[in-house]
Amino acid sequence: MAPTRRPPTRVPLSDWPRRALDWLCAGRSDYRAFQERKRTRIYRRNRTSCLYAWAAAAALLLVCGGVSCLVTIGLVTTLICFLLLDPE
């Protein structure tokens, strides 16, 4: 008796960017190190802290809605997130 074939599963359209990035960076050692670091508890904690920093920045932007405040708060929050998430 021949084994039955399963129909090919469809990949959701929302998964394509991640799959393309994984395919492009598959041989890079720094990408593999990033994927391993992303699974750690410390990275997840820092990512949550980064989300809180962006929430605080959004609250500050409600108070001061000027363009200069937008740029300044956006740059400072981005710097804080880079400092939290970059290991070096």
Protein backbone atom coordinates (compact mmCIF):
# COMPACT_ATOMS: atom_id res chain seq x y z
CA MET A 1 0.00 0.00 0.00
CA ALA A 2 1.44 3.36 -1.03
CA PRO A 3 1.67 6.13 1.55
CA THR A 4 -0.83 8.91 1.14
CA ARG A 5 0.48 12.34 0.28
CA ARG A 6 -0.39 15.34 2.34
CA PRO A 7 -1.32 18.45 0.42
CA PRO A 8 1.32 21.18 0.62
CA THR A 9 0.63 23.62 3.41
CA ARG A 10 0.35 27.27 2.54
CA VAL A 11 2.53 29.79 4.27
CA PRO A 12 0.60 32.85 5.45
CA LEU A 13 1.54 36.07 3.71
CA SER A 14 2.54 37.61 7.05
CA ASP A 15 5.34 35.00 7.43
CA TRP A 16 7.06 35.89 4.15
CA PRO A 17 9.24 38.79 5.41
CA ARG A 18 10.63 36.67 8.28
CA ARG A 19 11.26 33.72 5.96
CA ALA A 20 13.00 35.99 3.43
CA LEU A 21 15.23 37.46 6.15
CA ASP A 22 16.04 33.98 7.48
CA TRP A 23 16.91 32.84 3.96
CA LEU A 24 19.11 35.88 3.24
CA CYS A 25 21.00 35.70 6.53
CA ALA A 26 21.16 31.91 6.89
CA GLY A 27 24.94 31.58 6.67
CA ARG A 28 25.91 34.56 8.79
CA SER A 29 27.37 33.83 12.21
CA ASP A 30 26.21 37.15 13.67
CA TYR A 31 22.61 36.37 12.63
CA ARG A 32 22.80 32.97 14.32
CA ALA A 33 24.20 34.63 17.45
CA PHE A 34 21.34 37.13 17.36
CA GLN A 35 18.78 34.33 17.05
CA GLU A 36 20.31 32.56 20.05
CA ARG A 37 20.47 35.79 22.07
CA LYS A 38 16.84 36.52 21.20
CA ARG A 39 15.76 33.35 23.01
CA THR A 40 17.30 34.34 26.34
CA ARG A 41 15.31 35.61 29.30
CA ILE A 42 17.49 38.73 29.63
CA TYR A 43 16.82 39.77 26.03
CA ARG A 44 13.08 39.33 26.49
CA ARG A 45 13.21 41.40 29.70
CA ASN A 46 15.15 44.15 27.91
CA ARG A 47 12.72 44.07 25.00
CA THR A 48 9.84 44.56 27.45
CA SER A 49 11.72 47.48 29.01
CA CYS A 50 12.14 48.94 25.54
CA LEU A 51 8.38 48.69 24.96
CA TYR A 52 7.78 50.51 28.25
CA ALA A 53 10.23 53.21 27.16
CA TRP A 54 8.27 53.69 23.94
CA ALA A 55 5.01 53.81 25.90
CA ALA A 56 6.48 56.53 28.13
CA ALA A 57 7.66 58.40 25.02
CA ALA A 58 4.16 58.22 23.57
CA ALA A 59 2.74 59.63 26.81
CA LEU A 60 5.27 62.47 26.72
CA LEU A 61 4.31 63.22 23.14
CA LEU A 62 0.70 63.66 24.24
CA VAL A 63 1.89 66.42 26.58
CA CYS A 64 4.33 68.07 24.17
CA GLY A 65 3.17 67.53 20.61
CA GLY A 66 5.61 69.79 18.79
CA VAL A 67 7.86 68.60 16.00
CA SER A 68 11.01 69.34 18.00
CA CYS A 69 9.65 67.30 20.92
CA LEU A 70 8.76 64.48 18.54
CA VAL A 71 12.28 64.31 17.10
CA THR A 72 14.03 64.69 20.46
CA ILE A 73 11.90 62.13 22.32
CA GLY A 74 12.07 59.72 19.37
CA LEU A 75 15.86 59.90 19.16
CA VAL A 76 16.37 59.56 22.92
CA THR A 77 13.98 56.59 23.11
CA THR A 78 15.69 54.93 20.16
CA LEU A 79 19.08 55.40 21.83
CA ILE A 80 17.76 53.88 25.06
CA CYS A 81 16.40 50.86 23.18
CA PHE A 82 19.67 50.38 21.29
CA LEU A 83 21.56 50.49 24.58
CA LEU A 84 19.22 47.93 26.12
CA LEU A 85 19.13 45.48 23.21
CA ASP A 86 22.70 45.66 21.85
CA PRO A 87 25.05 43.39 23.80
CA GLU A 88 28.26 45.34 23.12
